[in-house]
Amino acid sequence: MELLGIFDLNIIIRVVSALLLGFAVGLEREMTNKYAGLRTNILVCLGACVFTIISIYGFPAITVTSVELGTRDTARVAAQVVTGIGFIGGGTVLRHGATVFGLTTAATLFMSAAIGMACGSGMYDLAIVATIVAIITLVSVRFFEKNVLVSSTKNLCRLKISLK
């Protein structure tokens, strides 16, 4: 189905759904003042969606009289999205002494990419459920850590005193 004879409505719905679901995940991160917030999660989700759409529709198989001359592997580009997100996620992980920061941010970016890929392939039910579960996990585990695991090592401070 085309809009104005130019735009494929199916592709527009896929991109807009990635934008909205990436916004939902990014909003949670933004509200908790994390490094990767709205813009980052929206762009990761959109980028994964667009790459998935390109991998599905951008490389048609070459056929001549029903004989396939070229192979069409729609998973190739999508697989490289996972690699690229691993690279970006690695950049968000920081080490300060014995403490490591940014692992949840990296995992959230990984999840945003997965949601974008689900939107790009038209699996809206999976994308919506994954977004809801991701947000519930981020919010509820943070609440659990602060209110139930109050004596966790994450809440302890290290003090170093040296006497001369």
C-alpha atoms as a PDB file:
ATOM      1  CA  MET A   1       0.000   0.000   0.000  1.00  0.00           C
ATOM      2  CA  GLU A   2       1.515   3.304  -1.090  1.00  0.00           C
ATOM      3  CA  LEU A   3       0.954   6.798   0.221  1.00  0.00           C
ATOM      4  CA  LEU A   4       0.810   9.483  -2.506  1.00  0.00           C
ATOM      5  CA  GLY A   5       2.247   6.929  -4.917  1.00  0.00           C
ATOM      6  CA  ILE A   6       5.716   7.449  -3.423  1.00  0.00           C
ATOM      7  CA  PHE A   7       5.933   6.123   0.119  1.00  0.00           C
ATOM      8  CA  ASP A   8       5.255   2.560   1.158  1.00  0.00           C
ATOM      9  CA  LEU A   9       2.881   2.812   4.126  1.00  0.00           C
ATOM     10  CA  ASN A  10       4.126  -0.497   5.538  1.00  0.00           C
ATOM     11  CA  ILE A  11       7.681   0.851   5.782  1.00  0.00           C
ATOM     12  CA  ILE A  12       6.478   4.136   7.297  1.00  0.00           C
ATOM     13  CA  ILE A  13       4.614   2.198  10.006  1.00  0.00           C
ATOM     14  CA  ARG A  14       7.735   0.151  10.755  1.00  0.00           C
ATOM     15  CA  VAL A  15       9.921   3.251  11.114  1.00  0.00           C
ATOM     16  CA  VAL A  16       7.377   5.187  13.198  1.00  0.00           C
ATOM     17  CA  SER A  17       6.855   2.202  15.498  1.00  0.00           C
ATOM     18  CA  ALA A  18      10.635   1.987  16.020  1.00  0.00           C
ATOM     19  CA  LEU A  19      10.700   5.701  16.794  1.00  0.00           C
ATOM     20  CA  LEU A  20       7.918   5.408  19.384  1.00  0.00           C
ATOM     21  CA  LEU A  21       9.250   2.278  21.071  1.00  0.00           C
ATOM     22  CA  GLY A  22      12.810   3.660  21.113  1.00  0.00           C
ATOM     23  CA  PHE A  23      11.359   6.804  22.680  1.00  0.00           C
ATOM     24  CA  ALA A  24       9.676   4.721  25.403  1.00  0.00           C
ATOM     25  CA  VAL A  25      12.914   2.975  26.372  1.00  0.00           C
ATOM     26  CA  GLY A  26      14.927   6.190  26.076  1.00  0.00           C
ATOM     27  CA  LEU A  27      12.462   8.081  28.252  1.00  0.00           C
ATOM     28  CA  GLU A  28      13.048   5.685  31.138  1.00  0.00           C
ATOM     29  CA  ARG A  29      16.815   6.135  30.795  1.00  0.00           C
ATOM     30  CA  GLU A  30      16.481   9.909  30.473  1.00  0.00           C
ATOM     31  CA  MET A  31      14.295  10.157  33.582  1.00  0.00           C
ATOM     32  CA  THR A  32      16.953   8.325  35.605  1.00  0.00           C
ATOM     33  CA  ASN A  33      19.690  10.591  34.202  1.00  0.00           C
ATOM     34  CA  LYS A  34      21.694   7.866  32.462  1.00  0.00           C
ATOM     35  CA  TYR A  35      24.306   8.411  29.734  1.00  0.00           C
ATOM     36  CA  ALA A  36      22.293   6.988  26.868  1.00  0.00           C
ATOM     37  CA  GLY A  37      18.891   8.647  27.048  1.00  0.00           C
ATOM     38  CA  LEU A  38      16.196   9.641  24.600  1.00  0.00           C
ATOM     39  CA  ARG A  39      18.225  10.539  21.526  1.00  0.00           C
ATOM     40  CA  THR A  40      20.593   7.602  21.774  1.00  0.00           C
ATOM     41  CA  ASN A  41      17.910   4.955  22.275  1.00  0.00           C
ATOM     42  CA  ILE A  42      15.671   6.451  19.573  1.00  0.00           C
ATOM     43  CA  LEU A  43      18.523   6.548  17.062  1.00  0.00           C
ATOM     44  CA  VAL A  44      19.705   3.029  17.908  1.00  0.00           C
ATOM     45  CA  CYS A  45      16.155   1.706  17.526  1.00  0.00           C
ATOM     46  CA  LEU A  46      15.612   3.630  14.263  1.00  0.00           C
ATOM     47  CA  GLY A  47      18.990   2.606  12.868  1.00  0.00           C
ATOM     48  CA  ALA A  48      18.391  -1.066  13.580  1.00  0.00           C
ATOM     49  CA  CYS A  49      14.933  -0.775  12.017  1.00  0.00           C
ATOM     50  CA  VAL A  50      16.239   0.879   8.854  1.00  0.00           C
ATOM     51  CA  PHE A  51      19.083  -1.626   8.478  1.00  0.00           C
ATOM     52  CA  THR A  52      16.602  -4.477   8.882  1.00  0.00           C
ATOM     53  CA  ILE A  53      14.290  -2.982   6.253  1.00  0.00           C
ATOM     54  CA  ILE A  54      17.259  -2.541   3.915  1.00  0.00           C
ATOM     55  CA  SER A  55      18.346  -6.132   4.462  1.00  0.00           C
ATOM     56  CA  ILE A  56      14.843  -7.385   3.649  1.00  0.00           C
ATOM     57  CA  TYR A  57      13.975  -5.188   0.658  1.00  0.00           C
ATOM     58  CA  GLY A  58      17.237  -3.635  -0.491  1.00  0.00           C
ATOM     59  CA  PHE A  59      18.916  -6.686  -1.966  1.00  0.00           C
ATOM     60  CA  PRO A  60      16.506  -8.655  -4.144  1.00  0.00           C
ATOM     61  CA  ALA A  61      17.606 -11.959  -5.610  1.00  0.00           C
ATOM     62  CA  ILE A  62      18.560 -11.825  -9.277  1.00  0.00           C
ATOM     63  CA  THR A  63      16.432 -14.220 -11.291  1.00  0.00           C
ATOM     64  CA  VAL A  64      16.270 -15.001 -14.973  1.00  0.00           C
ATOM     65  CA  THR A  65      13.363 -17.164 -16.125  1.00  0.00           C
ATOM     66  CA  SER A  66      12.744 -18.560 -12.646  1.00  0.00           C
ATOM     67  CA  VAL A  67      16.404 -19.562 -12.151  1.00  0.00           C
ATOM     68  CA  GLU A  68      18.006 -17.830  -9.218  1.00  0.00           C
ATOM     69  CA  LEU A  69      21.421 -16.413 -10.111  1.00  0.00           C
ATOM     70  CA  GLY A  70      22.267 -14.698  -6.851  1.00  0.00           C
ATOM     71  CA  THR A  71      21.762 -15.583  -3.253  1.00  0.00           C
ATOM     72  CA  ARG A  72      19.606 -13.397  -1.054  1.00  0.00           C
ATOM     73  CA  ASP A  73      20.558 -13.625   2.590  1.00  0.00           C
ATOM     74  CA  THR A  74      18.363 -11.171   4.472  1.00  0.00           C
ATOM     75  CA  ALA A  75      20.108 -11.988   7.742  1.00  0.00           C
ATOM     76  CA  ARG A  76      23.521 -10.654   6.686  1.00  0.00           C
ATOM     77  CA  VAL A  77      22.883  -6.965   7.267  1.00  0.00           C
ATOM     78  CA  ALA A  78      20.787  -7.666  10.349  1.00  0.00           C
ATOM     79  CA  ALA A  79      23.602  -9.752  11.831  1.00  0.00           C
ATOM     80  CA  GLN A  80      25.998  -6.851  11.410  1.00  0.00           C
ATOM     81  CA  VAL A  81      23.620  -4.623  13.377  1.00  0.00           C
ATOM     82  CA  VAL A  82      24.279  -6.846  16.387  1.00  0.00           C
ATOM     83  CA  THR A  83      28.026  -6.454  15.897  1.00  0.00           C
ATOM     84  CA  GLY A  84      27.755  -2.681  15.570  1.00  0.00           C
ATOM     85  CA  ILE A  85      25.630  -2.357  18.673  1.00  0.00           C
ATOM     86  CA  GLY A  86      28.158  -4.469  20.572  1.00  0.00           C
ATOM     87  CA  PHE A  87      30.802  -1.934  19.546  1.00  0.00           C
ATOM     88  CA  ILE A  88      28.669   1.027  20.666  1.00  0.00           C
ATOM     89  CA  GLY A  89      27.731  -0.750  23.890  1.00  0.00           C
ATOM     90  CA  GLY A  90      31.387  -1.433  24.609  1.00  0.00           C
ATOM     91  CA  GLY A  91      31.984   2.310  24.437  1.00  0.00           C
ATOM     92  CA  THR A  92      29.430   2.945  27.175  1.00  0.00           C
ATOM     93  CA  VAL A  93      31.098   0.628  29.698  1.00  0.00           C
ATOM     94  CA  LEU A  94      33.509   2.470  31.978  1.00  0.00           C
ATOM     95  CA  ARG A  95      35.809   1.141  34.665  1.00  0.00           C
ATOM     96  CA  HIS A  96      36.744   3.229  37.666  1.00  0.00           C
ATOM     97  CA  GLY A  97      38.978   1.229  39.993  1.00  0.00           C
ATOM     98  CA  ALA A  98      37.177  -1.948  40.961  1.00  0.00           C
ATOM     99  CA  THR A  99      33.801  -0.551  39.869  1.00  0.00           C
ATOM    100  CA  VAL A 100      32.332  -0.939  36.399  1.00  0.00           C
ATOM    101  CA  PHE A 101      29.700   1.505  35.123  1.00  0.00           C
ATOM    102  CA  GLY A 102      27.479   1.427  32.059  1.00  0.00           C
ATOM    103  CA  LEU A 103      26.659  -2.261  31.734  1.00  0.00           C
ATOM    104  CA  THR A 104      22.927  -1.620  32.013  1.00  0.00           C
ATOM    105  CA  THR A 105      23.246   1.211  29.495  1.00  0.00           C
ATOM    106  CA  ALA A 106      24.987  -1.132  27.068  1.00  0.00           C
ATOM    107  CA  ALA A 107      22.324  -3.788  27.609  1.00  0.00           C
ATOM    108  CA  THR A 108      19.593  -1.194  27.082  1.00  0.00           C
ATOM    109  CA  LEU A 109      21.151  -0.131  23.772  1.00  0.00           C
ATOM    110  CA  PHE A 110      21.341  -3.794  22.780  1.00  0.00           C
ATOM    111  CA  MET A 111      17.638  -4.151  23.633  1.00  0.00           C
ATOM    112  CA  SER A 112      16.747  -0.976  21.712  1.00  0.00           C
ATOM    113  CA  ALA A 113      18.468  -2.415  18.658  1.00  0.00           C
ATOM    114  CA  ALA A 114      16.550  -5.666  19.033  1.00  0.00           C
ATOM    115  CA  ILE A 115      13.284  -3.737  19.297  1.00  0.00           C
ATOM    116  CA  GLY A 116      14.209  -1.780  16.175  1.00  0.00           C
ATOM    117  CA  MET A 117      14.995  -4.976  14.293  1.00  0.00           C
ATOM    118  CA  ALA A 118      11.635  -6.428  15.349  1.00  0.00           C
ATOM    119  CA  CYS A 119       9.882  -3.296  14.045  1.00  0.00           C
ATOM    120  CA  GLY A 120      11.898  -3.409  10.821  1.00  0.00           C
ATOM    121  CA  SER A 121      10.825  -6.979  10.163  1.00  0.00           C
ATOM    122  CA  GLY A 122       7.189  -6.199  10.953  1.00  0.00           C
ATOM    123  CA  MET A 123       7.045  -8.150  14.201  1.00  0.00           C
ATOM    124  CA  TYR A 124       5.151  -5.458  16.101  1.00  0.00           C
ATOM    125  CA  ASP A 125       3.822  -7.802  18.782  1.00  0.00           C
ATOM    126  CA  LEU A 126       7.352  -8.868  19.712  1.00  0.00           C
ATOM    127  CA  ALA A 127       8.601  -5.273  19.638  1.00  0.00           C
ATOM    128  CA  ILE A 128       5.813  -4.014  21.916  1.00  0.00           C
ATOM    129  CA  VAL A 129       6.145  -6.884  24.393  1.00  0.00           C
ATOM    130  CA  ALA A 130       9.950  -6.513  24.452  1.00  0.00           C
ATOM    131  CA  THR A 131       9.633  -2.770  25.110  1.00  0.00           C
ATOM    132  CA  ILE A 132       7.164  -3.270  27.952  1.00  0.00           C
ATOM    133  CA  VAL A 133       9.242  -6.033  29.541  1.00  0.00           C
ATOM    134  CA  ALA A 134      12.448  -3.974  29.218  1.00  0.00           C
ATOM    135  CA  ILE A 135      10.894  -0.915  30.873  1.00  0.00           C
ATOM    136  CA  ILE A 136       9.304  -2.988  33.629  1.00  0.00           C
ATOM    137  CA  THR A 137      12.654  -4.688  34.246  1.00  0.00           C
ATOM    138  CA  LEU A 138      14.577  -1.413  34.412  1.00  0.00           C
ATOM    139  CA  VAL A 139      12.079   0.217  36.783  1.00  0.00           C
ATOM    140  CA  SER A 140      11.276  -2.736  39.030  1.00  0.00           C
ATOM    141  CA  VAL A 141      14.852  -3.936  39.477  1.00  0.00           C
ATOM    142  CA  ARG A 142      15.979  -0.405  40.371  1.00  0.00           C
ATOM    143  CA  PHE A 143      13.172  -0.246  42.953  1.00  0.00           C
ATOM    144  CA  PHE A 144      14.107  -3.704  44.245  1.00  0.00           C
ATOM    145  CA  GLU A 145      17.787  -2.771  44.591  1.00  0.00           C
ATOM    146  CA  LYS A 146      17.059   0.441  46.480  1.00  0.00           C
ATOM    147  CA  ASN A 147      14.352  -0.894  48.792  1.00  0.00           C
ATOM    148  CA  VAL A 148      15.101  -4.585  49.299  1.00  0.00           C
ATOM    149  CA  LEU A 149      18.831  -4.936  48.741  1.00  0.00           C
ATOM    150  CA  VAL A 150      19.794  -1.953  50.886  1.00  0.00           C
ATOM    151  CA  SER A 151      22.896  -3.730  52.182  1.00  0.00           C
ATOM    152  CA  SER A 152      24.096  -4.594  48.691  1.00  0.00           C
ATOM    153  CA  THR A 153      27.711  -3.933  47.778  1.00  0.00           C
ATOM    154  CA  LYS A 154      26.425  -1.385  45.240  1.00  0.00           C
ATOM    155  CA  ASN A 155      25.293   0.819  48.127  1.00  0.00           C
ATOM    156  CA  LEU A 156      28.558   0.655  50.043  1.00  0.00           C
ATOM    157  CA  CYS A 157      31.165   3.386  49.838  1.00  0.00           C
ATOM    158  CA  ARG A 158      34.884   2.807  49.937  1.00  0.00           C
ATOM    159  CA  LEU A 159      36.967   5.047  52.176  1.00  0.00           C
ATOM    160  CA  LYS A 160      40.733   5.062  52.047  1.00  0.00           C
ATOM    161  CA  ILE A 161      42.636   6.690  54.888  1.00  0.00           C
ATOM    162  CA  SER A 162      46.368   7.038  54.802  1.00  0.00           C
ATOM    163  CA  LEU A 163      48.443   8.337  57.703  1.00  0.00           C
ATOM    164  CA  LYS A 164      51.866   9.844  57.293  1.00  0.00           C
END
